[in-house]
Full PDB file with SEQRES, HELIX, SHEET, SSBOND, CRYST1, ORIGX, SCALE, CONECT and MASTER records, all heavy atoms in Angstrom:
SEQRES   1 A   43  ASP GLY ALA LEU ALA ALA PRO GLY CYS PRO PHE CYS PRO          
SEQRES   2 A   43  PRO SER GLN PRO THR LEU SER GLU LYS VAL ALA GLU SER          
SEQRES   3 A   43  ASP MET VAL VAL LEU VAL GLN TRP VAL GLU SER GLN SER          
SEQRES   4 A   43  ASP PRO ASN ASP                                              
HELIX    1 AA1 LEU A   19  ALA A   24  1                                   6    
SSBOND   1 CYS A    9    CYS A   12                          1555   1555  2.33  
CRYST1    1.000    1.000    1.000  90.00  90.00  90.00 P 1           1          
ORIGX1      1.000000  0.000000  0.000000        0.00000                         
ORIGX2      0.000000  1.000000  0.000000        0.00000                         
ORIGX3      0.000000  0.000000  1.000000        0.00000                         
SCALE1      1.000000  0.000000  0.000000        0.00000                         
SCALE2      0.000000  1.000000  0.000000        0.00000                         
SCALE3      0.000000  0.000000  1.000000        0.00000                         
ATOM      1  N   ASP A   1     -33.559   9.073  22.538  1.00  0.00           N  
ATOM      2  CA  ASP A   1     -34.557   8.483  21.561  1.00  0.00           C  
ATOM      3  C   ASP A   1     -34.012   7.567  20.748  1.00  0.00           C  
ATOM      4  O   ASP A   1     -34.666   6.582  20.382  1.00  0.00           O  
ATOM      5  CB  ASP A   1     -34.978   9.780  20.826  1.00  0.00           C  
ATOM      6  CG  ASP A   1     -36.086  10.544  21.587  1.00  0.00           C  
ATOM      7  OD1 ASP A   1     -36.423  10.176  22.773  1.00  0.00           O  
ATOM      8  OD2 ASP A   1     -36.413  11.676  21.040  1.00  0.00           O  
ATOM      9  N   GLY A   2     -32.805   7.786  20.265  1.00  0.00           N  
ATOM     10  CA  GLY A   2     -32.243   6.759  19.281  1.00  0.00           C  
ATOM     11  C   GLY A   2     -31.780   5.459  19.798  1.00  0.00           C  
ATOM     12  O   GLY A   2     -31.558   4.476  19.070  1.00  0.00           O  
ATOM     13  N   ALA A   3     -31.940   5.202  21.165  1.00  0.00           N  
ATOM     14  CA  ALA A   3     -31.456   4.119  21.852  1.00  0.00           C  
ATOM     15  C   ALA A   3     -32.647   3.203  21.865  1.00  0.00           C  
ATOM     16  O   ALA A   3     -32.389   2.000  22.437  1.00  0.00           O  
ATOM     17  CB  ALA A   3     -30.767   4.372  23.043  1.00  0.00           C  
ATOM     18  N   LEU A   4     -33.772   3.361  21.554  1.00  0.00           N  
ATOM     19  CA  LEU A   4     -34.983   2.553  21.826  1.00  0.00           C  
ATOM     20  C   LEU A   4     -35.011   1.381  20.864  1.00  0.00           C  
ATOM     21  O   LEU A   4     -35.377   0.386  21.255  1.00  0.00           O  
ATOM     22  CB  LEU A   4     -36.289   3.302  21.673  1.00  0.00           C  
ATOM     23  CG  LEU A   4     -36.418   4.547  22.606  1.00  0.00           C  
ATOM     24  CD1 LEU A   4     -37.677   5.316  22.269  1.00  0.00           C  
ATOM     25  CD2 LEU A   4     -36.475   3.994  24.037  1.00  0.00           C  
ATOM     26  N   ALA A   5     -34.574   1.467  19.593  1.00  0.00           N  
ATOM     27  CA  ALA A   5     -34.737   0.379  18.636  1.00  0.00           C  
ATOM     28  C   ALA A   5     -33.450  -0.296  18.521  1.00  0.00           C  
ATOM     29  O   ALA A   5     -32.469   0.220  18.522  1.00  0.00           O  
ATOM     30  CB  ALA A   5     -35.166   1.080  17.301  1.00  0.00           C  
ATOM     31  N   ALA A   6     -33.550  -1.737  18.447  1.00  0.00           N  
ATOM     32  CA  ALA A   6     -32.382  -2.456  18.334  1.00  0.00           C  
ATOM     33  C   ALA A   6     -32.487  -3.246  16.978  1.00  0.00           C  
ATOM     34  O   ALA A   6     -33.505  -3.652  16.549  1.00  0.00           O  
ATOM     35  CB  ALA A   6     -32.270  -3.390  19.454  1.00  0.00           C  
ATOM     36  N   PRO A   7     -31.341  -3.384  16.237  1.00  0.00           N  
ATOM     37  CA  PRO A   7     -31.302  -4.063  14.986  1.00  0.00           C  
ATOM     38  C   PRO A   7     -31.567  -5.655  15.203  1.00  0.00           C  
ATOM     39  O   PRO A   7     -31.344  -6.131  16.379  1.00  0.00           O  
ATOM     40  CB  PRO A   7     -30.012  -3.820  14.367  1.00  0.00           C  
ATOM     41  CG  PRO A   7     -29.120  -3.604  15.513  1.00  0.00           C  
ATOM     42  CD  PRO A   7     -29.991  -2.912  16.624  1.00  0.00           C  
ATOM     43  N   GLY A   8     -32.005  -6.337  14.240  1.00  0.00           N  
ATOM     44  CA  GLY A   8     -32.144  -7.697  14.206  1.00  0.00           C  
ATOM     45  C   GLY A   8     -33.608  -8.251  14.498  1.00  0.00           C  
ATOM     46  O   GLY A   8     -34.516  -7.431  14.714  1.00  0.00           O  
ATOM     47  N   CYS A   9     -33.806  -9.444  14.517  1.00  0.00           N  
ATOM     48  CA  CYS A   9     -35.041 -10.150  14.833  1.00  0.00           C  
ATOM     49  C   CYS A   9     -35.652  -9.692  16.012  1.00  0.00           C  
ATOM     50  O   CYS A   9     -34.920  -9.943  17.229  1.00  0.00           O  
ATOM     51  CB  CYS A   9     -34.873 -11.601  14.660  1.00  0.00           C  
ATOM     52  SG  CYS A   9     -36.393 -12.558  15.217  1.00  0.00           S  
ATOM     53  N   PRO A  10     -36.923  -9.297  16.130  1.00  0.00           N  
ATOM     54  CA  PRO A  10     -37.541  -8.816  17.398  1.00  0.00           C  
ATOM     55  C   PRO A  10     -37.940  -9.927  18.198  1.00  0.00           C  
ATOM     56  O   PRO A  10     -38.369  -9.676  19.356  1.00  0.00           O  
ATOM     57  CB  PRO A  10     -38.708  -7.834  16.929  1.00  0.00           C  
ATOM     58  CG  PRO A  10     -38.972  -8.423  15.590  1.00  0.00           C  
ATOM     59  CD  PRO A  10     -37.814  -8.890  14.893  1.00  0.00           C  
ATOM     60  N   PHE A  11     -38.001 -11.159  17.757  1.00  0.00           N  
ATOM     61  CA  PHE A  11     -38.495 -12.313  18.368  1.00  0.00           C  
ATOM     62  C   PHE A  11     -37.399 -13.389  18.564  1.00  0.00           C  
ATOM     63  O   PHE A  11     -37.714 -14.575  18.853  1.00  0.00           O  
ATOM     64  CB  PHE A  11     -39.644 -12.913  17.663  1.00  0.00           C  
ATOM     65  CG  PHE A  11     -40.803 -11.918  17.453  1.00  0.00           C  
ATOM     66  CD1 PHE A  11     -41.175 -11.540  16.179  1.00  0.00           C  
ATOM     67  CD2 PHE A  11     -41.421 -11.406  18.616  1.00  0.00           C  
ATOM     68  CE1 PHE A  11     -42.263 -10.597  16.102  1.00  0.00           C  
ATOM     69  CE2 PHE A  11     -42.523 -10.564  18.410  1.00  0.00           C  
ATOM     70  CZ  PHE A  11     -42.893 -10.097  17.222  1.00  0.00           C  
ATOM     71  N   CYS A  12     -36.122 -12.928  18.606  1.00  0.00           N  
ATOM     72  CA  CYS A  12     -35.072 -13.844  18.529  1.00  0.00           C  
ATOM     73  C   CYS A  12     -34.232 -13.572  19.777  1.00  0.00           C  
ATOM     74  O   CYS A  12     -34.017 -12.533  20.196  1.00  0.00           O  
ATOM     75  CB  CYS A  12     -34.131 -13.892  17.421  1.00  0.00           C  
ATOM     76  SG  CYS A  12     -34.916 -14.250  15.831  1.00  0.00           S  
ATOM     77  N   PRO A  13     -33.724 -14.605  20.545  1.00  0.00           N  
ATOM     78  CA  PRO A  13     -32.729 -14.420  21.606  1.00  0.00           C  
ATOM     79  C   PRO A  13     -31.427 -13.975  21.145  1.00  0.00           C  
ATOM     80  O   PRO A  13     -31.052 -14.248  20.011  1.00  0.00           O  
ATOM     81  CB  PRO A  13     -32.652 -15.859  22.262  1.00  0.00           C  
ATOM     82  CG  PRO A  13     -32.918 -16.807  21.174  1.00  0.00           C  
ATOM     83  CD  PRO A  13     -33.946 -16.144  20.244  1.00  0.00           C  
ATOM     84  N   PRO A  14     -30.704 -13.323  22.086  1.00  0.00           N  
ATOM     85  CA  PRO A  14     -29.268 -12.999  21.698  1.00  0.00           C  
ATOM     86  C   PRO A  14     -28.563 -14.140  21.154  1.00  0.00           C  
ATOM     87  O   PRO A  14     -28.752 -15.310  21.686  1.00  0.00           O  
ATOM     88  CB  PRO A  14     -28.638 -12.469  22.912  1.00  0.00           C  
ATOM     89  CG  PRO A  14     -29.874 -12.102  23.845  1.00  0.00           C  
ATOM     90  CD  PRO A  14     -31.022 -12.974  23.413  1.00  0.00           C  
ATOM     91  N   SER A  15     -27.752 -13.961  20.168  1.00  0.00           N  
ATOM     92  CA  SER A  15     -26.989 -15.132  19.569  1.00  0.00           C  
ATOM     93  C   SER A  15     -25.502 -14.851  19.605  1.00  0.00           C  
ATOM     94  O   SER A  15     -25.034 -13.835  19.651  1.00  0.00           O  
ATOM     95  CB  SER A  15     -27.455 -15.399  18.074  1.00  0.00           C  
ATOM     96  OG  SER A  15     -27.152 -14.213  17.285  1.00  0.00           O  
ATOM     97  N   GLN A  16     -24.735 -16.073  19.532  1.00  0.00           N  
ATOM     98  CA  GLN A  16     -23.380 -16.030  19.649  1.00  0.00           C  
ATOM     99  C   GLN A  16     -22.835 -15.589  18.263  1.00  0.00           C  
ATOM    100  O   GLN A  16     -23.666 -15.492  17.357  1.00  0.00           O  
ATOM    101  CB  GLN A  16     -22.753 -17.365  19.900  1.00  0.00           C  
ATOM    102  CG  GLN A  16     -23.112 -17.830  21.273  1.00  0.00           C  
ATOM    103  CD  GLN A  16     -22.496 -17.066  22.407  1.00  0.00           C  
ATOM    104  OE1 GLN A  16     -21.398 -16.595  22.315  1.00  0.00           O  
ATOM    105  NE2 GLN A  16     -23.350 -16.799  23.379  1.00  0.00           N  
ATOM    106  N   PRO A  17     -21.541 -15.085  18.125  1.00  0.00           N  
ATOM    107  CA  PRO A  17     -20.994 -14.767  16.818  1.00  0.00           C  
ATOM    108  C   PRO A  17     -21.306 -15.911  15.731  1.00  0.00           C  
ATOM    109  O   PRO A  17     -21.244 -17.119  16.147  1.00  0.00           O  
ATOM    110  CB  PRO A  17     -19.624 -14.520  16.965  1.00  0.00           C  
ATOM    111  CG  PRO A  17     -19.512 -14.256  18.454  1.00  0.00           C  
ATOM    112  CD  PRO A  17     -20.596 -14.933  19.197  1.00  0.00           C  
ATOM    113  N   THR A  18     -21.832 -15.592  14.561  1.00  0.00           N  
ATOM    114  CA  THR A  18     -21.971 -16.597  13.614  1.00  0.00           C  
ATOM    115  C   THR A  18     -20.648 -17.114  13.001  1.00  0.00           C  
ATOM    116  O   THR A  18     -19.665 -16.454  13.085  1.00  0.00           O  
ATOM    117  CB  THR A  18     -22.912 -16.059  12.454  1.00  0.00           C  
ATOM    118  OG1 THR A  18     -22.126 -14.972  11.727  1.00  0.00           O  
ATOM    119  CG2 THR A  18     -24.162 -15.407  12.972  1.00  0.00           C  
ATOM    120  N   LEU A  19     -20.624 -18.276  12.313  1.00  0.00           N  
ATOM    121  CA  LEU A  19     -19.451 -18.707  11.691  1.00  0.00           C  
ATOM    122  C   LEU A  19     -18.867 -17.742  10.694  1.00  0.00           C  
ATOM    123  O   LEU A  19     -17.617 -17.551  10.661  1.00  0.00           O  
ATOM    124  CB  LEU A  19     -19.766 -20.112  10.978  1.00  0.00           C  
ATOM    125  CG  LEU A  19     -20.097 -21.219  11.912  1.00  0.00           C  
ATOM    126  CD1 LEU A  19     -20.572 -22.439  11.185  1.00  0.00           C  
ATOM    127  CD2 LEU A  19     -19.036 -21.514  12.821  1.00  0.00           C  
ATOM    128  N   SER A  20     -19.665 -17.127   9.906  1.00  0.00           N  
ATOM    129  CA  SER A  20     -19.093 -16.026   9.025  1.00  0.00           C  
ATOM    130  C   SER A  20     -18.493 -15.010   9.720  1.00  0.00           C  
ATOM    131  O   SER A  20     -17.468 -14.292   9.281  1.00  0.00           O  
ATOM    132  CB  SER A  20     -20.194 -15.593   8.019  1.00  0.00           C  
ATOM    133  OG  SER A  20     -21.200 -14.964   8.623  1.00  0.00           O  
ATOM    134  N   GLU A  21     -19.055 -14.578  10.831  1.00  0.00           N  
ATOM    135  CA  GLU A  21     -18.458 -13.408  11.685  1.00  0.00           C  
ATOM    136  C   GLU A  21     -17.134 -13.891  12.306  1.00  0.00           C  
ATOM    137  O   GLU A  21     -16.173 -13.198  12.266  1.00  0.00           O  
ATOM    138  CB  GLU A  21     -19.305 -13.043  12.712  1.00  0.00           C  
ATOM    139  CG  GLU A  21     -20.562 -12.299  12.301  1.00  0.00           C  
ATOM    140  CD  GLU A  21     -21.602 -11.973  13.452  1.00  0.00           C  
ATOM    141  OE1 GLU A  21     -21.730 -12.766  14.324  1.00  0.00           O  
ATOM    142  OE2 GLU A  21     -22.229 -10.940  13.305  1.00  0.00           O  
ATOM    143  N   LYS A  22     -17.084 -15.196  12.782  1.00  0.00           N  
ATOM    144  CA  LYS A  22     -15.820 -15.648  13.227  1.00  0.00           C  
ATOM    145  C   LYS A  22     -14.746 -15.806  12.218  1.00  0.00           C  
ATOM    146  O   LYS A  22     -13.620 -15.464  12.401  1.00  0.00           O  
ATOM    147  CB  LYS A  22     -16.100 -16.943  13.936  1.00  0.00           C  
ATOM    148  CG  LYS A  22     -16.947 -17.010  15.090  1.00  0.00           C  
ATOM    149  CD  LYS A  22     -17.104 -18.353  15.799  1.00  0.00           C  
ATOM    150  CE  LYS A  22     -15.741 -18.747  16.436  1.00  0.00           C  
ATOM    151  NZ  LYS A  22     -15.904 -19.883  17.353  1.00  0.00           N  
ATOM    152  N   VAL A  23     -15.019 -16.112  11.006  1.00  0.00           N  
ATOM    153  CA  VAL A  23     -14.145 -16.155   9.773  1.00  0.00           C  
ATOM    154  C   VAL A  23     -13.595 -14.749   9.566  1.00  0.00           C  
ATOM    155  O   VAL A  23     -12.412 -14.590   9.503  1.00  0.00           O  
ATOM    156  CB  VAL A  23     -14.894 -16.771   8.606  1.00  0.00           C  
ATOM    157  CG1 VAL A  23     -13.969 -16.453   7.244  1.00  0.00           C  
ATOM    158  CG2 VAL A  23     -15.186 -18.232   8.717  1.00  0.00           C  
ATOM    159  N   ALA A  24     -14.447 -13.678   9.501  1.00  0.00           N  
ATOM    160  CA  ALA A  24     -14.023 -12.424   9.323  1.00  0.00           C  
ATOM    161  C   ALA A  24     -13.192 -11.849  10.326  1.00  0.00           C  
ATOM    162  O   ALA A  24     -12.344 -10.976  10.185  1.00  0.00           O  
ATOM    163  CB  ALA A  24     -15.345 -11.500   9.148  1.00  0.00           C  
ATOM    164  N   GLU A  25     -13.376 -12.211  11.567  1.00  0.00           N  
ATOM    165  CA  GLU A  25     -12.590 -11.792  12.732  1.00  0.00           C  
ATOM    166  C   GLU A  25     -11.314 -12.539  12.984  1.00  0.00           C  
ATOM    167  O   GLU A  25     -10.449 -12.141  13.810  1.00  0.00           O  
ATOM    168  CB  GLU A  25     -13.340 -11.863  14.062  1.00  0.00           C  
ATOM    169  CG  GLU A  25     -14.667 -10.890  13.958  1.00  0.00           C  
ATOM    170  CD  GLU A  25     -15.630 -11.142  15.102  1.00  0.00           C  
ATOM    171  OE1 GLU A  25     -15.297 -12.077  15.882  1.00  0.00           O  
ATOM    172  OE2 GLU A  25     -16.558 -10.474  15.175  1.00  0.00           O  
ATOM    173  N   SER A  26     -10.943 -13.525  12.291  1.00  0.00           N  
ATOM    174  CA  SER A  26      -9.849 -14.495  12.467  1.00  0.00           C  
ATOM    175  C   SER A  26      -8.634 -14.194  11.566  1.00  0.00           C  
ATOM    176  O   SER A  26      -8.870 -13.940  10.453  1.00  0.00           O  
ATOM    177  CB  SER A  26     -10.296 -15.978  12.442  1.00  0.00           C  
ATOM    178  OG  SER A  26     -11.210 -16.239  13.418  1.00  0.00           O  
ATOM    179  N   ASP A  27      -7.503 -14.443  11.986  1.00  0.00           N  
ATOM    180  CA  ASP A  27      -6.247 -14.369  11.163  1.00  0.00           C  
ATOM    181  C   ASP A  27      -6.118 -15.839  10.492  1.00  0.00           C  
ATOM    182  O   ASP A  27      -5.492 -15.836   9.378  1.00  0.00           O  
ATOM    183  CB  ASP A  27      -5.043 -14.123  11.958  1.00  0.00           C  
ATOM    184  CG  ASP A  27      -5.081 -12.701  12.567  1.00  0.00           C  
ATOM    185  OD1 ASP A  27      -5.711 -11.792  11.923  1.00  0.00           O  
ATOM    186  OD2 ASP A  27      -4.599 -12.563  13.672  1.00  0.00           O  
ATOM    187  N   MET A  28      -6.650 -16.777  11.114  1.00  0.00           N  
ATOM    188  CA  MET A  28      -6.409 -18.134  10.620  1.00  0.00           C  
ATOM    189  C   MET A  28      -7.700 -18.891  10.815  1.00  0.00           C  
ATOM    190  O   MET A  28      -8.398 -18.909  11.862  1.00  0.00           O  
ATOM    191  CB  MET A  28      -5.393 -18.837  11.453  1.00  0.00           C  
ATOM    192  CG  MET A  28      -4.005 -18.141  11.372  1.00  0.00           C  
ATOM    193  SD  MET A  28      -2.877 -18.683  12.551  1.00  0.00           S  
ATOM    194  CE  MET A  28      -3.527 -17.885  14.101  1.00  0.00           C  
ATOM    195  N   VAL A  29      -8.193 -19.645   9.758  1.00  0.00           N  
ATOM    196  CA  VAL A  29      -9.195 -20.501   9.725  1.00  0.00           C  
ATOM    197  C   VAL A  29      -8.783 -21.793   9.006  1.00  0.00           C  
ATOM    198  O   VAL A  29      -8.478 -21.892   7.921  1.00  0.00           O  
ATOM    199  CB  VAL A  29     -10.515 -20.033   8.936  1.00  0.00           C  
ATOM    200  CG1 VAL A  29     -11.627 -20.883   9.233  1.00  0.00           C  
ATOM    201  CG2 VAL A  29     -10.869 -18.551   9.520  1.00  0.00           C  
ATOM    202  N   VAL A  30      -8.690 -22.882  10.020  1.00  0.00           N  
ATOM    203  CA  VAL A  30      -7.923 -24.087   9.456  1.00  0.00           C  
ATOM    204  C   VAL A  30      -8.797 -25.316   9.726  1.00  0.00           C  
ATOM    205  O   VAL A  30      -9.277 -25.411  10.951  1.00  0.00           O  
ATOM    206  CB  VAL A  30      -6.685 -24.231  10.190  1.00  0.00           C  
ATOM    207  CG1 VAL A  30      -5.851 -25.589   9.732  1.00  0.00           C  
ATOM    208  CG2 VAL A  30      -5.735 -22.942   9.923  1.00  0.00           C  
ATOM    209  N   LEU A  31      -8.990 -26.086   8.737  1.00  0.00           N  
ATOM    210  CA  LEU A  31      -9.697 -27.484   8.962  1.00  0.00           C  
ATOM    211  C   LEU A  31      -8.706 -28.420   9.421  1.00  0.00           C  
ATOM    212  O   LEU A  31      -7.628 -28.593   8.721  1.00  0.00           O  
ATOM    213  CB  LEU A  31     -10.293 -27.863   7.709  1.00  0.00           C  
ATOM    214  CG  LEU A  31     -11.142 -29.178   7.701  1.00  0.00           C  
ATOM    215  CD1 LEU A  31     -12.445 -29.034   8.664  1.00  0.00           C  
ATOM    216  CD2 LEU A  31     -11.556 -29.698   6.416  1.00  0.00           C  
ATOM    217  N   VAL A  32      -8.928 -29.115  10.474  1.00  0.00           N  
ATOM    218  CA  VAL A  32      -7.955 -30.036  11.075  1.00  0.00           C  
ATOM    219  C   VAL A  32      -8.658 -31.327  11.417  1.00  0.00           C  
ATOM    220  O   VAL A  32      -9.864 -31.357  11.456  1.00  0.00           O  
ATOM    221  CB  VAL A  32      -7.194 -29.491  12.366  1.00  0.00           C  
ATOM    222  CG1 VAL A  32      -6.490 -28.180  11.930  1.00  0.00           C  
ATOM    223  CG2 VAL A  32      -8.306 -29.139  13.426  1.00  0.00           C  
ATOM    224  N   GLN A  33      -7.858 -32.408  11.588  1.00  0.00           N  
ATOM    225  CA  GLN A  33      -8.376 -33.724  12.131  1.00  0.00           C  
ATOM    226  C   GLN A  33      -7.643 -34.122  13.261  1.00  0.00           C  
ATOM    227  O   GLN A  33      -6.455 -33.735  13.653  1.00  0.00           O  
ATOM    228  CB  GLN A  33      -8.236 -34.762  11.067  1.00  0.00           C  
ATOM    229  CG  GLN A  33      -6.791 -35.160  10.655  1.00  0.00           C  
ATOM    230  CD  GLN A  33      -6.785 -36.144   9.533  1.00  0.00           C  
ATOM    231  OE1 GLN A  33      -7.889 -36.770   9.291  1.00  0.00           O  
ATOM    232  NE2 GLN A  33      -5.642 -36.528   8.959  1.00  0.00           N  
ATOM    233  N   TRP A  34      -8.367 -34.623  14.292  1.00  0.00           N  
ATOM    234  CA  TRP A  34      -8.001 -34.944  15.587  1.00  0.00           C  
ATOM    235  C   TRP A  34      -6.898 -36.115  15.499  1.00  0.00           C  
ATOM    236  O   TRP A  34      -7.063 -37.137  14.755  1.00  0.00           O  
ATOM    237  CB  TRP A  34      -9.035 -35.422  16.463  1.00  0.00           C  
ATOM    238  CG  TRP A  34      -8.803 -35.526  17.945  1.00  0.00           C  
ATOM    239  CD1 TRP A  34      -8.917 -34.728  18.917  1.00  0.00           C  
ATOM    240  CD2 TRP A  34      -8.307 -36.851  18.647  1.00  0.00           C  
ATOM    241  NE1 TRP A  34      -8.469 -35.212  20.154  1.00  0.00           N  
ATOM    242  CE2 TRP A  34      -8.197 -36.603  19.931  1.00  0.00           C  
ATOM    243  CE3 TRP A  34      -8.031 -38.073  18.118  1.00  0.00           C  
ATOM    244  CZ2 TRP A  34      -7.722 -37.539  20.905  1.00  0.00           C  
ATOM    245  CZ3 TRP A  34      -7.595 -39.081  18.985  1.00  0.00           C  
ATOM    246  CH2 TRP A  34      -7.408 -38.759  20.329  1.00  0.00           C  
ATOM    247  N   VAL A  35      -5.731 -35.914  16.143  1.00  0.00           N  
ATOM    248  CA  VAL A  35      -4.685 -36.903  16.207  1.00  0.00           C  
ATOM    249  C   VAL A  35      -4.626 -37.676  17.566  1.00  0.00           C  
ATOM    250  O   VAL A  35      -4.734 -38.873  17.746  1.00  0.00           O  
ATOM    251  CB  VAL A  35      -3.267 -36.330  15.862  1.00  0.00           C  
ATOM    252  CG1 VAL A  35      -2.191 -37.377  15.945  1.00  0.00           C  
ATOM    253  CG2 VAL A  35      -3.480 -35.753  14.467  1.00  0.00           C  
ATOM    254  N   GLU A  36      -4.415 -36.825  18.630  1.00  0.00           N  
ATOM    255  CA  GLU A  36      -4.240 -37.452  19.946  1.00  0.00           C  
ATOM    256  C   GLU A  36      -4.356 -36.212  20.904  1.00  0.00           C  
ATOM    257  O   GLU A  36      -4.195 -35.003  20.748  1.00  0.00           O  
ATOM    258  CB  GLU A  36      -3.047 -38.155  20.238  1.00  0.00           C  
ATOM    259  CG  GLU A  36      -1.713 -37.300  20.128  1.00  0.00           C  
ATOM    260  CD  GLU A  36      -0.485 -38.082  20.408  1.00  0.00           C  
ATOM    261  OE1 GLU A  36      -0.582 -39.219  20.712  1.00  0.00           O  
ATOM    262  OE2 GLU A  36       0.573 -37.427  20.232  1.00  0.00           O  
ATOM    263  N   SER A  37      -4.681 -36.567  22.231  1.00  0.00           N  
ATOM    264  CA  SER A  37      -4.693 -35.575  23.328  1.00  0.00           C  
ATOM    265  C   SER A  37      -4.004 -36.211  24.489  1.00  0.00           C  
ATOM    266  O   SER A  37      -3.958 -37.496  24.715  1.00  0.00           O  
ATOM    267  CB  SER A  37      -6.073 -35.216  23.684  1.00  0.00           C  
ATOM    268  OG  SER A  37      -6.783 -36.286  24.099  1.00  0.00           O  
ATOM    269  N   GLN A  38      -3.361 -35.444  25.422  1.00  0.00           N  
ATOM    270  CA  GLN A  38      -2.561 -35.905  26.404  1.00  0.00           C  
ATOM    271  C   GLN A  38      -2.924 -34.963  27.670  1.00  0.00           C  
ATOM    272  O   GLN A  38      -3.200 -33.757  27.554  1.00  0.00           O  
ATOM    273  CB  GLN A  38      -1.055 -35.848  26.251  1.00  0.00           C  
ATOM    274  CG  GLN A  38      -0.573 -36.604  25.038  1.00  0.00           C  
ATOM    275  CD  GLN A  38       0.923 -36.382  24.781  1.00  0.00           C  
ATOM    276  OE1 GLN A  38       1.560 -35.787  25.656  1.00  0.00           O  
ATOM    277  NE2 GLN A  38       1.223 -37.058  23.753  1.00  0.00           N  
ATOM    278  N   SER A  39      -2.906 -35.640  28.864  1.00  0.00           N  
ATOM    279  CA  SER A  39      -3.015 -34.942  30.159  1.00  0.00           C  
ATOM    280  C   SER A  39      -2.512 -35.709  31.350  1.00  0.00           C  
ATOM    281  O   SER A  39      -2.413 -37.066  31.136  1.00  0.00           O  
ATOM    282  CB  SER A  39      -4.401 -34.465  30.346  1.00  0.00           C  
ATOM    283  OG  SER A  39      -5.329 -35.629  30.528  1.00  0.00           O  
ATOM    284  N   ASP A  40      -2.298 -35.059  32.431  1.00  0.00           N  
ATOM    285  CA  ASP A  40      -1.857 -35.842  33.584  1.00  0.00           C  
ATOM    286  C   ASP A  40      -3.188 -36.536  34.256  1.00  0.00           C  
ATOM    287  O   ASP A  40      -4.148 -35.808  34.610  1.00  0.00           O  
ATOM    288  CB  ASP A  40      -1.350 -34.800  34.572  1.00  0.00           C  
ATOM    289  CG  ASP A  40      -0.594 -35.562  35.821  1.00  0.00           C  
ATOM    290  OD1 ASP A  40      -1.208 -36.731  36.096  1.00  0.00           O  
ATOM    291  OD2 ASP A  40       0.203 -35.013  36.376  1.00  0.00           O  
ATOM    292  N   PRO A  41      -3.192 -37.879  34.412  1.00  0.00           N  
ATOM    293  CA  PRO A  41      -4.496 -38.456  34.968  1.00  0.00           C  
ATOM    294  C   PRO A  41      -4.621 -37.948  36.259  1.00  0.00           C  
ATOM    295  O   PRO A  41      -5.963 -37.934  36.873  1.00  0.00           O  
ATOM    296  CB  PRO A  41      -4.105 -39.973  34.974  1.00  0.00           C  
ATOM    297  CG  PRO A  41      -2.686 -40.063  34.458  1.00  0.00           C  
ATOM    298  CD  PRO A  41      -2.201 -38.675  34.020  1.00  0.00           C  
ATOM    299  N   ASN A  42      -3.733 -37.482  37.116  1.00  0.00           N  
ATOM    300  CA  ASN A  42      -4.083 -36.941  38.457  1.00  0.00           C  
ATOM    301  C   ASN A  42      -4.444 -35.486  38.360  1.00  0.00           C  
ATOM    302  O   ASN A  42      -5.056 -35.032  39.437  1.00  0.00           O  
ATOM    303  CB  ASN A  42      -2.687 -37.244  39.246  1.00  0.00           C  
ATOM    304  CG  ASN A  42      -2.504 -38.608  39.393  1.00  0.00           C  
ATOM    305  OD1 ASN A  42      -3.243 -39.388  39.635  1.00  0.00           O  
ATOM    306  ND2 ASN A  42      -1.038 -38.977  39.339  1.00  0.00           N  
ATOM    307  N   ASP A  43      -4.141 -34.831  37.325  1.00  0.00           N  
ATOM    308  CA  ASP A  43      -4.493 -33.313  37.225  1.00  0.00           C  
ATOM    309  C   ASP A  43      -4.675 -33.121  35.753  1.00  0.00           C  
ATOM    310  O   ASP A  43      -3.787 -32.630  35.094  1.00  0.00           O  
ATOM    311  CB  ASP A  43      -3.493 -32.534  37.919  1.00  0.00           C  
ATOM    312  CG  ASP A  43      -3.825 -31.015  37.824  1.00  0.00           C  
ATOM    313  OD1 ASP A  43      -4.961 -30.699  37.465  1.00  0.00           O  
ATOM    314  OD2 ASP A  43      -3.024 -30.207  38.305  1.00  0.00           O  
TER     315      ASP A  43                                                      
CONECT   52   76                                                                
CONECT   76   52                                                                
MASTER        0    0    0    1    0    0    0    6  314    1    2    4          
END                                                                             
């Protein structure tokens, strides 16, 4: 009986973790700026 109701908006699709949830679950939250990227052009 208790499994019938689910919390949250009844008209919303399933959502990914929110930013605040990701903050709470992380050891590190760091603002960075892009410098460069490298890869093998053949692979």
